[in-house]
Amino acid sequence: MNPTNLVTPDDLGKRVTFQFELPNGYLSEAVGVFERWDAGAETYFVRRKTGEVVRVPARGVRFGKIVEAPKPKGAQQ
């Protein structure tokens, strides 16, 4: 599988989704607001709606893209 990461450090503040590989070989996902980019560690920091901050190493990203904000509950579709 070829990695596809469409998120760049210029996308700070946007809602993103990542699928990434953990050091143990398992896969994880993170969806939330892209809050910080650590250039030295090449790591994205994503805040989930729960408030938890997830560290996403750029090297392990299999898929990353910008996503729309969720629709408010009760909104017309």
N, C-alpha and C. Protein backbone atom coordinates (compact mmCIF):
# COMPACT_ATOMS: atom_id res chain seq x y z
N MET A 1 0.85 -1.18 0.00
CA MET A 1 0.00 0.00 0.00
C MET A 1 0.89 1.24 0.00
N ASN A 2 0.62 2.16 -0.92
CA ASN A 2 1.37 3.40 -0.98
C ASN A 2 0.76 4.41 -0.03
N PRO A 3 1.58 5.00 0.84
CA PRO A 3 1.04 6.02 1.76
C PRO A 3 0.52 7.23 1.00
N THR A 4 -0.60 7.77 1.45
CA THR A 4 -1.17 8.97 0.86
C THR A 4 -1.47 9.93 1.99
N ASN A 5 -0.64 10.95 2.13
CA ASN A 5 -0.86 11.95 3.17
C ASN A 5 -1.07 13.30 2.51
N LEU A 6 -2.30 13.80 2.58
CA LEU A 6 -2.66 15.07 1.97
C LEU A 6 -2.62 16.21 2.98
N VAL A 7 -2.19 15.94 4.22
CA VAL A 7 -2.12 16.96 5.27
C VAL A 7 -0.69 17.50 5.33
N THR A 8 -0.58 18.84 5.36
CA THR A 8 0.73 19.48 5.46
C THR A 8 0.74 20.38 6.69
N PRO A 9 1.91 20.83 7.12
CA PRO A 9 1.97 21.75 8.26
C PRO A 9 1.17 23.05 8.03
N ASP A 10 0.89 23.39 6.79
CA ASP A 10 0.08 24.58 6.49
C ASP A 10 -1.39 24.39 6.84
N ASP A 11 -1.81 23.18 7.17
CA ASP A 11 -3.21 22.88 7.47
C ASP A 11 -3.55 23.01 8.95
N LEU A 12 -2.70 23.66 9.74
CA LEU A 12 -2.97 23.87 11.16
C LEU A 12 -4.36 24.46 11.37
N GLY A 13 -5.06 23.95 12.37
CA GLY A 13 -6.39 24.45 12.70
C GLY A 13 -7.53 23.77 11.96
N LYS A 14 -7.21 22.94 10.99
CA LYS A 14 -8.25 22.24 10.22
C LYS A 14 -8.54 20.88 10.86
N ARG A 15 -9.71 20.35 10.53
CA ARG A 15 -10.10 19.02 11.00
C ARG A 15 -9.50 18.00 10.05
N VAL A 16 -8.81 17.03 10.60
CA VAL A 16 -8.10 16.04 9.79
C VAL A 16 -8.38 14.63 10.27
N THR A 17 -8.03 13.68 9.43
CA THR A 17 -8.08 12.28 9.81
C THR A 17 -6.78 11.62 9.36
N PHE A 18 -6.26 10.77 10.22
CA PHE A 18 -5.04 10.02 9.91
C PHE A 18 -5.25 8.55 10.22
N GLN A 19 -4.70 7.69 9.39
CA GLN A 19 -4.51 6.29 9.73
C GLN A 19 -3.00 6.12 9.76
N PHE A 20 -2.49 5.59 10.87
CA PHE A 20 -1.04 5.50 11.01
C PHE A 20 -0.61 4.24 11.73
N GLU A 21 0.63 3.87 11.48
CA GLU A 21 1.19 2.67 12.07
C GLU A 21 1.89 3.00 13.39
N LEU A 22 1.61 2.19 14.41
CA LEU A 22 2.25 2.33 15.71
C LEU A 22 3.59 1.59 15.70
N PRO A 23 4.48 1.89 16.64
CA PRO A 23 5.79 1.20 16.67
C PRO A 23 5.69 -0.32 16.74
N ASN A 24 4.59 -0.84 17.32
CA ASN A 24 4.44 -2.29 17.44
C ASN A 24 3.85 -2.93 16.18
N GLY A 25 3.60 -2.12 15.14
CA GLY A 25 3.08 -2.64 13.88
C GLY A 25 1.57 -2.56 13.74
N TYR A 26 0.85 -2.29 14.84
CA TYR A 26 -0.60 -2.14 14.76
C TYR A 26 -0.96 -0.81 14.11
N LEU A 27 -2.20 -0.71 13.63
CA LEU A 27 -2.67 0.54 13.04
C LEU A 27 -3.56 1.27 14.03
N SER A 28 -3.54 2.59 13.94
CA SER A 28 -4.41 3.43 14.76
C SER A 28 -4.98 4.53 13.88
N GLU A 29 -6.02 5.19 14.38
CA GLU A 29 -6.63 6.29 13.67
C GLU A 29 -6.78 7.48 14.60
N ALA A 30 -6.73 8.66 14.02
CA ALA A 30 -6.95 9.89 14.77
C ALA A 30 -7.77 10.83 13.91
N VAL A 31 -8.87 11.33 14.48
CA VAL A 31 -9.71 12.32 13.81
C VAL A 31 -9.87 13.48 14.78
N GLY A 32 -9.61 14.68 14.30
CA GLY A 32 -9.74 15.85 15.17
C GLY A 32 -9.10 17.07 14.54
N VAL A 33 -8.84 18.06 15.38
CA VAL A 33 -8.26 19.32 14.91
C VAL A 33 -6.74 19.23 14.97
N PHE A 34 -6.11 19.54 13.86
CA PHE A 34 -4.66 19.55 13.76
C PHE A 34 -4.16 20.80 14.48
N GLU A 35 -3.56 20.60 15.66
CA GLU A 35 -3.18 21.72 16.52
C GLU A 35 -1.72 22.13 16.44
N ARG A 36 -0.84 21.19 16.17
CA ARG A 36 0.59 21.54 16.22
C ARG A 36 1.39 20.60 15.34
N TRP A 37 2.46 21.14 14.77
CA TRP A 37 3.41 20.35 13.99
C TRP A 37 4.77 20.51 14.63
N ASP A 38 5.41 19.41 14.99
CA ASP A 38 6.76 19.43 15.55
C ASP A 38 7.70 19.02 14.42
N ALA A 39 8.38 20.03 13.83
CA ALA A 39 9.25 19.76 12.68
C ALA A 39 10.42 18.87 13.05
N GLY A 40 11.00 19.08 14.24
CA GLY A 40 12.15 18.28 14.66
C GLY A 40 11.82 16.80 14.78
N ALA A 41 10.65 16.51 15.32
CA ALA A 41 10.23 15.12 15.50
C ALA A 41 9.36 14.63 14.35
N GLU A 42 9.06 15.52 13.41
CA GLU A 42 8.16 15.20 12.28
C GLU A 42 6.89 14.52 12.80
N THR A 43 6.19 15.23 13.68
CA THR A 43 5.01 14.69 14.34
C THR A 43 3.85 15.68 14.29
N TYR A 44 2.67 15.17 13.94
CA TYR A 44 1.43 15.94 13.98
C TYR A 44 0.81 15.75 15.37
N PHE A 45 0.18 16.78 15.89
CA PHE A 45 -0.57 16.69 17.14
C PHE A 45 -2.03 17.00 16.81
N VAL A 46 -2.90 16.03 17.08
CA VAL A 46 -4.32 16.13 16.73
C VAL A 46 -5.13 16.04 18.02
N ARG A 47 -6.05 17.01 18.21
CA ARG A 47 -6.92 17.00 19.38
C ARG A 47 -8.27 16.40 19.00
N ARG A 48 -8.59 15.27 19.63
CA ARG A 48 -9.88 14.62 19.40
C ARG A 48 -10.99 15.41 20.10
N LYS A 49 -12.24 15.11 19.76
CA LYS A 49 -13.36 15.83 20.39
C LYS A 49 -13.45 15.56 21.88
N THR A 50 -12.82 14.49 22.35
CA THR A 50 -12.79 14.18 23.78
C THR A 50 -11.79 15.06 24.52
N GLY A 51 -10.95 15.78 23.79
CA GLY A 51 -9.92 16.61 24.38
C GLY A 51 -8.55 15.94 24.40
N GLU A 52 -8.53 14.65 24.15
CA GLU A 52 -7.27 13.91 24.12
C GLU A 52 -6.41 14.38 22.94
N VAL A 53 -5.11 14.54 23.17
CA VAL A 53 -4.19 14.90 22.10
C VAL A 53 -3.45 13.65 21.66
N VAL A 54 -3.48 13.40 20.35
CA VAL A 54 -2.83 12.23 19.77
C VAL A 54 -1.60 12.68 19.00
N ARG A 55 -0.49 12.00 19.24
CA ARG A 55 0.74 12.26 18.49
C ARG A 55 0.77 11.31 17.30
N VAL A 56 0.90 11.88 16.11
CA VAL A 56 0.91 11.09 14.88
C VAL A 56 2.26 11.30 14.18
N PRO A 57 3.14 10.30 14.22
CA PRO A 57 4.43 10.45 13.55
C PRO A 57 4.26 10.42 12.03
N ALA A 58 4.79 11.43 11.36
CA ALA A 58 4.65 11.53 9.91
C ALA A 58 5.17 10.27 9.21
N ARG A 59 6.22 9.70 9.74
CA ARG A 59 6.81 8.51 9.13
C ARG A 59 5.84 7.34 9.10
N GLY A 60 4.94 7.26 10.09
CA GLY A 60 4.01 6.13 10.17
C GLY A 60 2.68 6.35 9.48
N VAL A 61 2.46 7.54 8.91
CA VAL A 61 1.16 7.83 8.29
C VAL A 61 0.96 6.99 7.04
N ARG A 62 -0.16 6.28 7.02
CA ARG A 62 -0.56 5.53 5.82
C ARG A 62 -1.56 6.32 5.00
N PHE A 63 -2.38 7.11 5.70
CA PHE A 63 -3.40 7.91 5.01
C PHE A 63 -3.69 9.13 5.86
N GLY A 64 -3.77 10.28 5.23
CA GLY A 64 -4.13 11.50 5.94
C GLY A 64 -4.83 12.46 5.01
N LYS A 65 -5.90 13.08 5.50
CA LYS A 65 -6.61 14.07 4.68
C LYS A 65 -7.38 15.03 5.57
N ILE A 66 -7.80 16.14 4.98
CA ILE A 66 -8.65 17.12 5.65
C ILE A 66 -10.09 16.66 5.49
N VAL A 67 -10.87 16.78 6.56
CA VAL A 67 -12.28 16.37 6.52
C VAL A 67 -13.17 17.53 6.97
N GLU A 68 -14.42 17.47 6.55
CA GLU A 68 -15.39 18.50 6.95
C GLU A 68 -15.72 18.36 8.44
N ALA A 69 -16.08 19.48 9.01
CA ALA A 69 -16.56 19.46 10.40
C ALA A 69 -17.85 18.68 10.45
N PRO A 70 -18.12 17.99 11.56
CA PRO A 70 -19.37 17.24 11.66
C PRO A 70 -20.57 18.18 11.68
N LYS A 71 -21.67 17.68 11.15
CA LYS A 71 -22.92 18.46 11.15
C LYS A 71 -23.46 18.54 12.58
N PRO A 72 -23.97 19.71 12.98
CA PRO A 72 -24.56 19.81 14.33
C PRO A 72 -25.75 18.86 14.44
N LYS A 73 -25.94 18.30 15.62
CA LYS A 73 -27.07 17.40 15.84
C LYS A 73 -28.37 18.16 15.60
N GLY A 74 -29.28 17.50 14.90
CA GLY A 74 -30.58 18.09 14.61
C GLY A 74 -30.58 18.98 13.39
N ALA A 75 -29.45 19.11 12.71
CA ALA A 75 -29.38 19.96 11.50
C ALA A 75 -30.04 19.24 10.34
N GLN A 76 -30.65 20.03 9.47
CA GLN A 76 -31.28 19.48 8.27
C GLN A 76 -30.21 18.98 7.31
N GLN A 77 -30.50 17.85 6.68
CA GLN A 77 -29.52 17.28 5.74
C GLN A 77 -29.98 17.42 4.34
